[in-house]
Structure formats: structure tokens, C-alpha cells
Amino acid sequence: MSRGVFHRHLTTVLIVAGASSLLSGCSLQQDVAVAPPSGKVGVPAPALSGQTLDGAPITVEFRNRKTVLLFWASWCGPCRHEQPFLNRMATDYATRGVQFIGLDILDHDHAAAKAFEDEFHVPYPSLYDDAGKTAATYEVDAPPSQVLVDGRGVIVARTPGEVSEDRLGRLIQAKLLAS
């Protein structure tokens, strides 16, 4: 094979591989018509209902309620670290019209999740989301994560990962209580 033919053949292979790579990337994008509700800041919060860890049905009402959603798991070390101050904050902010709702995600051991709730005397309800489907609609990848929803039902803030009491308090003040 001559050098010129080799270069043309190599160029053709590279062009075909590049075009194939670009086209395969397009298939990874969601079809907007069937995409689940987004958990992004500035959009309405996806509907939230399910069962609590006690098995009771729950539907979270966002309209005219200021809400802090707390995504956690019993095996999550940072979640265990946050829980004592989250309990205090939930009690303190309840008098100011802010509801706290937990979402136990990816906890395949229901008994461990319930034991966590009992150990820490969690004062707010938690939905059981062992498969992580609800977390996915809120675009939460892992616990702990927090999502704030204002009284219009719009997501106004999100904090992936562990958060300090001070930072969460400042977010609640700025995004839920200042308006």
C-alpha cells in the first residue's frame, strides 16, 4: 500500500469514527417529551408522594409551604453527623412556617433506616426511596443532599453533600424566609 493511499484510508477511518462518536452522543440525550420533571433550581419541584418509614402514605404539599428536603441514608456517615443539628433546625424553623421532609434514599435495609430515625429521634417524616427513583427526579446522586422549595413550589436552592448548620441556616433565611 502506498503512503498516499494509507493516509487517505487513515483519514477516512478517523472521519467515520469521529462522526460515529458524535452521533452516538446524541442518543444519550433525553427525549424532552418523556423526560421526568427536573430537580434544577428555578423550576417547579416534582410531585412528591410515597410511604414514610412507618408505612404511612404521605403526599408533600409545596404550594404555600416553605420546604427543606433532606436526602439521607442510614449508612451515610455525613448524614449521621448532620442529623442532630437538622433535628434542632426542623423544630426551630417549624414555628416560622418551614417544613422539613426527609427522603431515605438507596437504603435497601428498611430496618436500618427505621433504626436511624429512632436513634436520632427525627422529628419530621421521611419517605422511603430505596430504589432512588425520587432522588433521581430531583437530580440527587448521593446522600446527603438538601433541596429548598419555596411557597410557590419552585426549587430555589440545592446543596449536594454535607452541609454545615450555619450554611443551611443562611440558605433557609435567604431563600425561604427573606421573601
N, C-alpha and C. Protein backbone atom coordinates (compact mmCIF):
# COMPACT_ATOMS: atom_id res chain seq x y z
N MET A 1 0.86 -1.17 0.00
CA MET A 1 0.00 0.00 0.00
C MET A 1 0.90 1.23 0.00
N SER A 2 0.61 2.17 -0.92
CA SER A 2 1.44 3.37 -0.99
C SER A 2 1.12 4.30 0.18
N ARG A 3 2.06 5.19 0.44
CA ARG A 3 1.92 6.12 1.57
C ARG A 3 0.69 7.01 1.41
N GLY A 4 0.41 7.49 0.23
CA GLY A 4 -0.75 8.34 -0.03
C GLY A 4 -2.06 7.60 0.20
N VAL A 5 -2.14 6.37 -0.28
CA VAL A 5 -3.34 5.56 -0.09
C VAL A 5 -3.55 5.28 1.40
N PHE A 6 -2.46 4.98 2.12
CA PHE A 6 -2.53 4.72 3.56
C PHE A 6 -3.08 5.95 4.29
N HIS A 7 -2.60 7.14 3.98
CA HIS A 7 -3.07 8.37 4.64
C HIS A 7 -4.54 8.65 4.33
N ARG A 8 -4.95 8.42 3.07
CA ARG A 8 -6.37 8.61 2.74
C ARG A 8 -7.24 7.62 3.49
N HIS A 9 -6.77 6.36 3.57
CA HIS A 9 -7.52 5.32 4.29
C HIS A 9 -7.61 5.68 5.78
N LEU A 10 -6.51 6.11 6.36
CA LEU A 10 -6.49 6.50 7.78
C LEU A 10 -7.40 7.71 8.01
N THR A 11 -7.37 8.69 7.13
CA THR A 11 -8.24 9.86 7.26
C THR A 11 -9.71 9.46 7.20
N THR A 12 -10.05 8.58 6.28
CA THR A 12 -11.43 8.10 6.16
C THR A 12 -11.87 7.39 7.43
N VAL A 13 -11.02 6.54 7.98
CA VAL A 13 -11.35 5.81 9.21
C VAL A 13 -11.56 6.79 10.35
N LEU A 14 -10.69 7.79 10.48
CA LEU A 14 -10.82 8.77 11.55
C LEU A 14 -12.09 9.60 11.41
N ILE A 15 -12.45 9.98 10.21
CA ILE A 15 -13.67 10.76 9.98
C ILE A 15 -14.90 9.93 10.34
N VAL A 16 -14.93 8.69 9.90
CA VAL A 16 -16.07 7.81 10.20
C VAL A 16 -16.16 7.57 11.71
N ALA A 17 -15.04 7.34 12.36
CA ALA A 17 -15.04 7.11 13.82
C ALA A 17 -15.51 8.37 14.56
N GLY A 18 -15.05 9.52 14.12
CA GLY A 18 -15.47 10.78 14.76
C GLY A 18 -16.95 11.04 14.58
N ALA A 19 -17.46 10.84 13.38
CA ALA A 19 -18.89 11.05 13.12
C ALA A 19 -19.73 10.05 13.92
N SER A 20 -19.27 8.83 13.97
CA SER A 20 -19.99 7.81 14.75
C SER A 20 -20.03 8.18 16.22
N SER A 21 -18.93 8.68 16.73
CA SER A 21 -18.86 9.09 18.14
C SER A 21 -19.82 10.25 18.41
N LEU A 22 -19.85 11.21 17.52
CA LEU A 22 -20.76 12.34 17.69
C LEU A 22 -22.22 11.90 17.66
N LEU A 23 -22.55 11.04 16.73
CA LEU A 23 -23.93 10.58 16.61
C LEU A 23 -24.35 9.72 17.79
N SER A 24 -23.44 8.92 18.32
CA SER A 24 -23.82 8.09 19.47
C SER A 24 -24.06 8.95 20.69
N GLY A 25 -23.39 10.08 20.82
CA GLY A 25 -23.62 11.00 21.93
C GLY A 25 -25.03 11.57 21.90
N CYS A 26 -25.57 11.76 20.72
CA CYS A 26 -26.92 12.30 20.60
C CYS A 26 -27.95 11.35 21.18
N SER A 27 -27.71 10.06 21.07
CA SER A 27 -28.69 9.11 21.57
C SER A 27 -28.73 9.07 23.09
N LEU A 28 -27.73 9.65 23.77
CA LEU A 28 -27.71 9.66 25.22
C LEU A 28 -28.59 10.77 25.80
N GLN A 29 -28.98 11.73 24.97
CA GLN A 29 -29.80 12.82 25.46
C GLN A 29 -31.24 12.36 25.63
N GLN A 30 -31.89 12.90 26.69
CA GLN A 30 -33.27 12.52 26.95
C GLN A 30 -34.21 13.13 25.92
N ASP A 31 -35.26 12.39 25.61
CA ASP A 31 -36.34 12.91 24.79
C ASP A 31 -37.14 13.84 25.68
N VAL A 32 -37.21 15.11 25.32
CA VAL A 32 -37.86 16.11 26.15
C VAL A 32 -39.31 15.75 26.45
N ALA A 33 -39.97 15.10 25.51
CA ALA A 33 -41.39 14.77 25.69
C ALA A 33 -41.60 13.74 26.80
N VAL A 34 -40.60 12.90 27.07
CA VAL A 34 -40.78 11.86 28.07
C VAL A 34 -39.83 12.03 29.27
N ALA A 35 -39.08 13.13 29.30
CA ALA A 35 -38.14 13.36 30.40
C ALA A 35 -38.90 13.57 31.70
N PRO A 36 -38.37 13.05 32.80
CA PRO A 36 -39.02 13.26 34.10
C PRO A 36 -38.89 14.72 34.52
N PRO A 37 -39.69 15.17 35.48
CA PRO A 37 -39.57 16.55 35.95
C PRO A 37 -38.15 16.81 36.43
N SER A 38 -37.71 18.02 36.25
CA SER A 38 -36.34 18.38 36.60
C SER A 38 -36.23 18.80 38.05
N GLY A 39 -35.09 18.54 38.65
CA GLY A 39 -34.82 18.97 40.01
C GLY A 39 -33.91 20.19 40.04
N LYS A 40 -33.86 20.92 38.96
CA LYS A 40 -32.98 22.07 38.86
C LYS A 40 -33.55 23.29 39.57
N VAL A 41 -32.66 24.17 40.01
CA VAL A 41 -33.07 25.42 40.64
C VAL A 41 -33.84 26.26 39.62
N GLY A 42 -34.95 26.85 40.08
CA GLY A 42 -35.74 27.72 39.23
C GLY A 42 -36.91 27.05 38.55
N VAL A 43 -37.08 25.76 38.74
CA VAL A 43 -38.21 25.05 38.12
C VAL A 43 -39.12 24.49 39.22
N PRO A 44 -40.37 24.22 38.89
CA PRO A 44 -41.27 23.63 39.90
C PRO A 44 -40.73 22.30 40.42
N ALA A 45 -40.88 22.09 41.70
CA ALA A 45 -40.45 20.84 42.32
C ALA A 45 -41.32 19.69 41.81
N PRO A 46 -40.70 18.55 41.48
CA PRO A 46 -41.50 17.39 41.08
C PRO A 46 -42.44 16.96 42.21
N ALA A 47 -43.58 16.41 41.84
CA ALA A 47 -44.54 15.91 42.84
C ALA A 47 -43.83 14.91 43.75
N LEU A 48 -44.24 14.92 45.00
CA LEU A 48 -43.56 14.07 45.98
C LEU A 48 -44.58 13.34 46.84
N SER A 49 -44.65 12.03 46.67
CA SER A 49 -45.54 11.22 47.49
C SER A 49 -44.96 9.82 47.59
N GLY A 50 -45.41 9.10 48.59
CA GLY A 50 -44.92 7.75 48.80
C GLY A 50 -45.31 7.28 50.17
N GLN A 51 -44.45 6.45 50.76
CA GLN A 51 -44.70 5.94 52.10
C GLN A 51 -43.59 6.38 53.04
N THR A 52 -43.98 6.67 54.26
CA THR A 52 -42.99 7.00 55.28
C THR A 52 -42.32 5.70 55.73
N LEU A 53 -41.31 5.83 56.56
CA LEU A 53 -40.63 4.65 57.09
C LEU A 53 -41.57 3.80 57.96
N ASP A 54 -42.63 4.43 58.47
CA ASP A 54 -43.62 3.69 59.25
C ASP A 54 -44.66 3.02 58.37
N GLY A 55 -44.60 3.26 57.05
CA GLY A 55 -45.55 2.65 56.13
C GLY A 55 -46.78 3.50 55.84
N ALA A 56 -46.84 4.68 56.43
CA ALA A 56 -48.00 5.56 56.21
C ALA A 56 -47.85 6.29 54.87
N PRO A 57 -48.96 6.46 54.15
CA PRO A 57 -48.88 7.22 52.90
C PRO A 57 -48.65 8.70 53.21
N ILE A 58 -47.88 9.36 52.33
CA ILE A 58 -47.63 10.79 52.51
C ILE A 58 -47.55 11.45 51.13
N THR A 59 -48.16 12.61 51.04
CA THR A 59 -48.04 13.48 49.87
C THR A 59 -47.57 14.82 50.38
N VAL A 60 -46.46 15.29 49.85
CA VAL A 60 -45.90 16.57 50.30
C VAL A 60 -46.52 17.68 49.48
N GLU A 61 -47.10 18.64 50.17
CA GLU A 61 -47.70 19.81 49.52
C GLU A 61 -46.68 20.94 49.56
N PHE A 62 -46.31 21.44 48.39
CA PHE A 62 -45.33 22.51 48.31
C PHE A 62 -45.97 23.90 48.23
N ARG A 63 -47.14 23.98 47.62
CA ARG A 63 -47.79 25.28 47.46
C ARG A 63 -48.10 25.87 48.82
N ASN A 64 -47.72 27.12 49.00
CA ASN A 64 -47.95 27.86 50.24
C ASN A 64 -47.23 27.26 51.44
N ARG A 65 -46.22 26.45 51.19
CA ARG A 65 -45.39 25.86 52.25
C ARG A 65 -43.94 26.04 51.85
N LYS A 66 -43.11 26.43 52.76
CA LYS A 66 -41.67 26.51 52.53
C LYS A 66 -41.09 25.19 53.01
N THR A 67 -40.29 24.53 52.16
CA THR A 67 -39.90 23.16 52.43
C THR A 67 -38.39 22.96 52.28
N VAL A 68 -37.83 22.19 53.21
CA VAL A 68 -36.45 21.73 53.12
C VAL A 68 -36.51 20.21 52.94
N LEU A 69 -36.04 19.73 51.80
CA LEU A 69 -35.98 18.30 51.53
C LEU A 69 -34.57 17.81 51.88
N LEU A 70 -34.51 16.78 52.70
CA LEU A 70 -33.23 16.25 53.17
C LEU A 70 -33.07 14.81 52.67
N PHE A 71 -32.13 14.60 51.76
CA PHE A 71 -31.87 13.27 51.20
C PHE A 71 -30.78 12.62 52.05
N TRP A 72 -31.08 11.45 52.63
CA TRP A 72 -30.17 10.80 53.56
C TRP A 72 -30.21 9.29 53.42
N ALA A 73 -29.30 8.61 54.10
CA ALA A 73 -29.30 7.15 54.19
C ALA A 73 -28.68 6.75 55.52
N SER A 74 -29.11 5.63 56.07
CA SER A 74 -28.64 5.20 57.39
C SER A 74 -27.15 4.86 57.39
N TRP A 75 -26.61 4.44 56.26
CA TRP A 75 -25.21 4.05 56.15
C TRP A 75 -24.29 5.23 55.84
N CYS A 76 -24.85 6.42 55.70
CA CYS A 76 -24.11 7.62 55.29
C CYS A 76 -23.52 8.33 56.52
N GLY A 77 -22.19 8.31 56.63
CA GLY A 77 -21.51 8.95 57.76
C GLY A 77 -21.84 10.42 57.91
N PRO A 78 -21.74 11.22 56.83
CA PRO A 78 -22.08 12.64 56.95
C PRO A 78 -23.54 12.87 57.35
N CYS A 79 -24.44 11.97 56.96
CA CYS A 79 -25.85 12.09 57.35
C CYS A 79 -25.98 11.96 58.86
N ARG A 80 -25.23 11.03 59.43
CA ARG A 80 -25.25 10.83 60.88
C ARG A 80 -24.70 12.07 61.58
N HIS A 81 -23.71 12.69 61.00
CA HIS A 81 -23.10 13.89 61.57
C HIS A 81 -24.08 15.07 61.54
N GLU A 82 -24.83 15.21 60.47
CA GLU A 82 -25.77 16.32 60.31
C GLU A 82 -27.04 16.19 61.15
N GLN A 83 -27.46 14.96 61.41
CA GLN A 83 -28.79 14.75 61.97
C GLN A 83 -29.10 15.51 63.26
N PRO A 84 -28.19 15.58 64.24
CA PRO A 84 -28.54 16.34 65.46
C PRO A 84 -28.90 17.80 65.18
N PHE A 85 -28.14 18.49 64.33
CA PHE A 85 -28.50 19.89 64.08
C PHE A 85 -29.70 20.00 63.15
N LEU A 86 -29.93 19.02 62.30
CA LEU A 86 -31.15 19.04 61.47
C LEU A 86 -32.39 18.92 62.34
N ASN A 87 -32.31 18.10 63.38
CA ASN A 87 -33.44 17.99 64.31
C ASN A 87 -33.74 19.35 64.95
N ARG A 88 -32.70 20.03 65.43
CA ARG A 88 -32.88 21.35 66.05
C ARG A 88 -33.47 22.34 65.06
N MET A 89 -32.92 22.35 63.85
CA MET A 89 -33.39 23.29 62.84
C MET A 89 -34.84 23.02 62.47
N ALA A 90 -35.20 21.76 62.32
CA ALA A 90 -36.59 21.42 61.96
C ALA A 90 -37.56 21.95 63.00
N THR A 91 -37.21 21.78 64.27
CA THR A 91 -38.07 22.26 65.35
C THR A 91 -38.11 23.79 65.37
N ASP A 92 -36.95 24.42 65.25
CA ASP A 92 -36.89 25.89 65.29
C ASP A 92 -37.62 26.53 64.12
N TYR A 93 -37.40 26.01 62.91
CA TYR A 93 -37.99 26.63 61.72
C TYR A 93 -39.47 26.29 61.54
N ALA A 94 -39.95 25.24 62.19
CA ALA A 94 -41.38 24.90 62.09
C ALA A 94 -42.24 26.06 62.58
N THR A 95 -41.79 26.77 63.60
CA THR A 95 -42.54 27.92 64.11
C THR A 95 -42.54 29.08 63.13
N ARG A 96 -41.66 29.02 62.14
CA ARG A 96 -41.58 30.07 61.12
C ARG A 96 -42.16 29.61 59.78
N GLY A 97 -42.89 28.49 59.82
CA GLY A 97 -43.59 28.02 58.62
C GLY A 97 -42.76 27.22 57.64
N VAL A 98 -41.63 26.67 58.09
CA VAL A 98 -40.79 25.86 57.21
C VAL A 98 -40.93 24.40 57.61
N GLN A 99 -41.33 23.56 56.63
CA GLN A 99 -41.44 22.13 56.90
C GLN A 99 -40.18 21.41 56.42
N PHE A 100 -39.74 20.44 57.19
CA PHE A 100 -38.62 19.58 56.82
C PHE A 100 -39.20 18.22 56.46
N ILE A 101 -38.71 17.66 55.35
CA ILE A 101 -39.14 16.34 54.90
C ILE A 101 -37.88 15.56 54.54
N GLY A 102 -37.74 14.37 55.11
CA GLY A 102 -36.60 13.52 54.78
C GLY A 102 -36.94 12.58 53.64
N LEU A 103 -35.92 12.22 52.90
CA LEU A 103 -36.06 11.20 51.86
C LEU A 103 -34.92 10.20 52.06
N ASP A 104 -35.26 9.04 52.58
CA ASP A 104 -34.28 7.99 52.81
C ASP A 104 -34.02 7.31 51.47
N ILE A 105 -32.83 7.52 50.91
CA ILE A 105 -32.55 7.02 49.56
C ILE A 105 -31.50 5.91 49.59
N LEU A 106 -31.69 4.96 48.71
CA LEU A 106 -30.74 3.87 48.48
C LEU A 106 -30.44 3.07 49.74
N ASP A 107 -31.36 3.04 50.65
CA ASP A 107 -31.23 2.28 51.89
C ASP A 107 -32.03 1.00 51.71
N HIS A 108 -31.38 -0.07 51.26
CA HIS A 108 -32.11 -1.29 50.93
C HIS A 108 -32.53 -2.07 52.17
N ASP A 109 -32.03 -1.66 53.32
CA ASP A 109 -32.40 -2.30 54.58
C ASP A 109 -33.38 -1.38 55.32
N HIS A 110 -34.66 -1.67 55.16
CA HIS A 110 -35.69 -0.83 55.77
C HIS A 110 -35.52 -0.74 57.28
N ALA A 111 -35.14 -1.84 57.92
CA ALA A 111 -34.95 -1.85 59.38
C ALA A 111 -33.83 -0.90 59.80
N ALA A 112 -32.74 -0.85 59.03
CA ALA A 112 -31.64 0.06 59.34
C ALA A 112 -32.08 1.51 59.21
N ALA A 113 -32.89 1.80 58.20
CA ALA A 113 -33.40 3.16 58.01
C ALA A 113 -34.29 3.56 59.18
N LYS A 114 -35.16 2.66 59.58
CA LYS A 114 -36.05 2.94 60.71
C LYS A 114 -35.25 3.09 62.01
N ALA A 115 -34.22 2.27 62.18
CA ALA A 115 -33.36 2.36 63.37
C ALA A 115 -32.65 3.72 63.42
N PHE A 116 -32.22 4.23 62.27
CA PHE A 116 -31.59 5.56 62.20
C PHE A 116 -32.57 6.62 62.69
N GLU A 117 -33.79 6.56 62.16
CA GLU A 117 -34.82 7.53 62.53
C GLU A 117 -35.11 7.45 64.04
N ASP A 118 -35.17 6.25 64.58
CA ASP A 118 -35.43 6.08 66.01
C ASP A 118 -34.24 6.53 66.86
N GLU A 119 -33.03 6.17 66.43
CA GLU A 119 -31.81 6.54 67.18
C GLU A 119 -31.68 8.05 67.34
N PHE A 120 -31.96 8.77 66.26
CA PHE A 120 -31.79 10.22 66.28
C PHE A 120 -33.07 10.98 66.65
N HIS A 121 -34.17 10.27 66.88
CA HIS A 121 -35.45 10.90 67.24
C HIS A 121 -35.81 11.99 66.23
N VAL A 122 -35.80 11.60 64.96
CA VAL A 122 -36.06 12.54 63.87
C VAL A 122 -37.49 13.07 64.00
N PRO A 123 -37.65 14.41 64.08
CA PRO A 123 -38.97 14.98 64.33
C PRO A 123 -39.85 15.20 63.10
N TYR A 124 -39.35 14.88 61.93
CA TYR A 124 -40.12 15.10 60.70
C TYR A 124 -40.24 13.77 59.95
N PRO A 125 -41.22 13.66 59.06
CA PRO A 125 -41.41 12.40 58.32
C PRO A 125 -40.33 12.21 57.26
N SER A 126 -40.03 10.96 56.96
CA SER A 126 -39.12 10.62 55.87
C SER A 126 -39.80 9.63 54.95
N LEU A 127 -39.73 9.91 53.66
CA LEU A 127 -40.22 8.98 52.65
C LEU A 127 -39.15 7.93 52.42
N TYR A 128 -39.58 6.71 52.16
CA TYR A 128 -38.67 5.60 51.89
C TYR A 128 -38.50 5.47 50.39
N ASP A 129 -37.28 5.71 49.89
CA ASP A 129 -36.98 5.68 48.46
C ASP A 129 -35.79 4.76 48.23
N ASP A 130 -35.99 3.46 48.52
CA ASP A 130 -34.86 2.53 48.47
C ASP A 130 -34.26 2.37 47.08
N ALA A 131 -35.03 2.55 46.04
CA ALA A 131 -34.50 2.41 44.68
C ALA A 131 -33.89 3.72 44.17
N GLY A 132 -34.13 4.82 44.87
CA GLY A 132 -33.56 6.10 44.46
C GLY A 132 -34.29 6.78 43.32
N LYS A 133 -35.51 6.33 43.00
CA LYS A 133 -36.25 6.93 41.88
C LYS A 133 -36.64 8.38 42.16
N THR A 134 -37.09 8.65 43.39
CA THR A 134 -37.46 10.02 43.73
C THR A 134 -36.22 10.90 43.73
N ALA A 135 -35.13 10.39 44.27
CA ALA A 135 -33.88 11.15 44.27
C ALA A 135 -33.48 11.50 42.83
N ALA A 136 -33.66 10.57 41.92
CA ALA A 136 -33.30 10.82 40.51
C ALA A 136 -34.14 11.94 39.92
N THR A 137 -35.44 12.02 40.26
CA THR A 137 -36.27 13.09 39.71
C THR A 137 -35.83 14.45 40.24
N TYR A 138 -35.19 14.45 41.41
CA TYR A 138 -34.64 15.70 41.96
C TYR A 138 -33.17 15.89 41.60
N GLU A 139 -32.65 15.00 40.76
CA GLU A 139 -31.27 15.04 40.32
C GLU A 139 -30.29 15.00 41.49
N VAL A 140 -30.62 14.18 42.48
CA VAL A 140 -29.74 13.96 43.63
C VAL A 140 -29.03 12.62 43.40
N ASP A 141 -27.71 12.67 43.40
CA ASP A 141 -26.93 11.47 43.12
C ASP A 141 -26.61 10.64 44.36
N ALA A 142 -26.41 11.31 45.49
CA ALA A 142 -26.00 10.60 46.69
C ALA A 142 -26.34 11.41 47.92
N PRO A 143 -26.50 10.72 49.04
CA PRO A 143 -26.74 11.45 50.29
C PRO A 143 -25.41 11.92 50.89
N PRO A 144 -25.42 12.92 51.72
CA PRO A 144 -26.55 13.80 51.98
C PRO A 144 -26.67 14.87 50.91
N SER A 145 -27.87 15.34 50.69
CA SER A 145 -28.16 16.46 49.80
C SER A 145 -29.38 17.17 50.33
N GLN A 146 -29.47 18.45 50.06
CA GLN A 146 -30.60 19.25 50.52
C GLN A 146 -31.16 20.04 49.34
N VAL A 147 -32.49 20.11 49.29
CA VAL A 147 -33.18 20.88 48.24
C VAL A 147 -34.20 21.76 48.94
N LEU A 148 -34.18 23.07 48.64
CA LEU A 148 -35.13 24.01 49.24
C LEU A 148 -36.19 24.39 48.21
N VAL A 149 -37.45 24.34 48.64
CA VAL A 149 -38.59 24.64 47.76
C VAL A 149 -39.38 25.77 48.40
N ASP A 150 -39.61 26.83 47.65
CA ASP A 150 -40.33 27.98 48.22
C ASP A 150 -41.84 27.76 48.20
N GLY A 151 -42.59 28.74 48.68
CA GLY A 151 -44.04 28.64 48.80
C GLY A 151 -44.78 28.60 47.48
N ARG A 152 -44.10 28.88 46.37
CA ARG A 152 -44.71 28.76 45.05
C ARG A 152 -44.54 27.36 44.49
N GLY A 153 -43.74 26.53 45.22
CA GLY A 153 -43.45 25.18 44.75
C GLY A 153 -42.26 25.12 43.82
N VAL A 154 -41.42 26.15 43.84
CA VAL A 154 -40.26 26.24 42.96
C VAL A 154 -38.99 25.93 43.75
N ILE A 155 -38.11 25.13 43.15
CA ILE A 155 -36.82 24.83 43.77
C ILE A 155 -35.97 26.10 43.74
N VAL A 156 -35.53 26.54 44.92
CA VAL A 156 -34.76 27.80 44.99
C VAL A 156 -33.31 27.59 45.40
N ALA A 157 -32.96 26.40 45.89
CA ALA A 157 -31.57 26.12 46.24
C ALA A 157 -31.38 24.62 46.37
N ARG A 158 -30.13 24.21 46.18
CA ARG A 158 -29.76 22.81 46.37
C ARG A 158 -28.31 22.76 46.83
N THR A 159 -28.03 21.87 47.75
CA THR A 159 -26.66 21.71 48.24
C THR A 159 -26.32 20.23 48.24
N PRO A 160 -25.55 19.78 47.26
CA PRO A 160 -25.11 18.38 47.28
C PRO A 160 -24.01 18.21 48.31
N GLY A 161 -24.04 17.11 49.02
CA GLY A 161 -23.00 16.82 50.00
C GLY A 161 -23.33 17.35 51.37
N GLU A 162 -22.41 17.10 52.29
CA GLU A 162 -22.60 17.53 53.67
C GLU A 162 -22.66 19.05 53.75
N VAL A 163 -23.53 19.55 54.63
CA VAL A 163 -23.71 20.99 54.80
C VAL A 163 -23.56 21.30 56.29
N SER A 164 -23.07 22.49 56.57
CA SER A 164 -22.96 22.90 57.97
C SER A 164 -24.29 23.52 58.41
N GLU A 165 -24.49 23.55 59.72
CA GLU A 165 -25.69 24.16 60.27
C GLU A 165 -25.76 25.64 59.87
N ASP A 166 -24.63 26.31 59.92
CA ASP A 166 -24.58 27.73 59.57
C ASP A 166 -24.96 27.95 58.11
N ARG A 167 -24.38 27.17 57.22
CA ARG A 167 -24.67 27.34 55.78
C ARG A 167 -26.13 27.05 55.47
N LEU A 168 -26.66 25.96 56.02
CA LEU A 168 -28.07 25.64 55.75
C LEU A 168 -28.97 26.71 56.34
N GLY A 169 -28.66 27.20 57.53
CA GLY A 169 -29.45 28.27 58.13
C GLY A 169 -29.45 29.53 57.29
N ARG A 170 -28.27 29.90 56.76
CA ARG A 170 -28.19 31.08 55.88
C ARG A 170 -29.00 30.88 54.60
N LEU A 171 -28.96 29.67 54.05
CA LEU A 171 -29.74 29.37 52.83
C LEU A 171 -31.25 29.47 53.12
N ILE A 172 -31.68 28.89 54.22
CA ILE A 172 -33.10 28.94 54.57
C ILE A 172 -33.53 30.39 54.75
N GLN A 173 -32.72 31.18 55.43
CA GLN A 173 -33.03 32.57 55.66
C GLN A 173 -33.12 33.35 54.34
N ALA A 174 -32.14 33.16 53.49
CA ALA A 174 -32.08 33.91 52.22
C ALA A 174 -33.11 33.44 51.21
N LYS A 175 -33.31 32.14 51.11
CA LYS A 175 -34.14 31.60 50.02
C LYS A 175 -35.60 31.32 50.41
N LEU A 176 -35.85 31.10 51.70
CA LEU A 176 -37.22 30.76 52.10
C LEU A 176 -37.89 31.81 52.99
N LEU A 177 -37.11 32.49 53.81
CA LEU A 177 -37.73 33.41 54.77
C LEU A 177 -37.61 34.88 54.40
N ALA A 178 -36.68 35.23 53.54
CA ALA A 178 -36.47 36.64 53.20
C ALA A 178 -37.55 37.19 52.26
N SER A 179 -38.26 36.31 51.59
CA SER A 179 -39.26 36.78 50.61
C SER A 179 -40.58 37.12 51.26
